[in-house]
Amino acid sequence: MKKFGEGENPQENTVEEKEGVIKTKADQLAEEFEADKNYSAAAEAYKKADDTVKAQEMWKKQAELWLELALEDKDTLNYYSEAAQAYEEAGATVMAKEIREKQAELWINHNNCYSEAARNYEKAGDTVKAQEMWRKEAELRVTNNYYTGAAEAYEKAGDTVKAQEMWRKQAEVWEADRDYYVEAARNYEKAGDTVKAQKVWEELADLLEVNDYHYSAAARAYEKAGDIAKAKDTWIKAAKEFETD
């Protein structure tokens, strides 16, 4: 006679059963979120329940809500970003692209926010329009004497020549003040002017060694200037300074 439980494996299907319970709870939670119109949370719950179709359906509903808010509140342009992202989650890439392009146009009309417009065109996959906006942003920054920002914007616009021109302008501004020689040298390097950069590094090294007695910092600057012999001599001075300490 078979004893109770004999031949049975109490561990059998335990993992599957647990997974089933988790999915059931996720489904229940998703339905609760859906009833409360918290569609993004519902989408995440349906995703955990492995119901991709329902998850995308919820993302679409969430996108429609964001879009409705965007149309009601003309001053809060970030609602368009939320809507576009939700449409992407829903698999509606065409709609997402249209919204990002719409948002880009609104950013242009909103105090000439060309950088924000450029980012939206990038997300929409329109590289040509994005670079056009980055160029406009660069030109705007030049008028404000913000050469670093202009250089970065020209780089994003794909205009290396103009970017280097801006890096040089910023370097010249920094070079006027010895406290900013490091920044000046680095900007000349970005401008592609290695000779000028090395000259500034050497001037900085001389100042550090002669006036400030910062031998280790001076040695590093000489190395960047390409003067290995002077760097070596200065490292020796730095070593002797440590010996006396």
Foldseek 3Di string as FASTA:
>chain_A
DDDPPPPHDPCPCVVVVVLVVLLVVLQVVLVVCVVVLVLQSSLVSVVSNVNLQSSLVSLQSVLVVLVVVCVVDVVPLCSLVSSLVSNVSSVNLVVSLVSLQVSLVSCCVVVRNLQSSLVSCVVSVNLQSSLVSLQVVLVVCVVVVNLQSSLVSNVSNVNLQSSLVSLQSVLVVQLVDLVRLVSNLVSNVSSVNLQVSLVSLQVNLCCCVPPVVPLQSSLVSNVSSVNNVVSVVSVVVVVVVVVVD
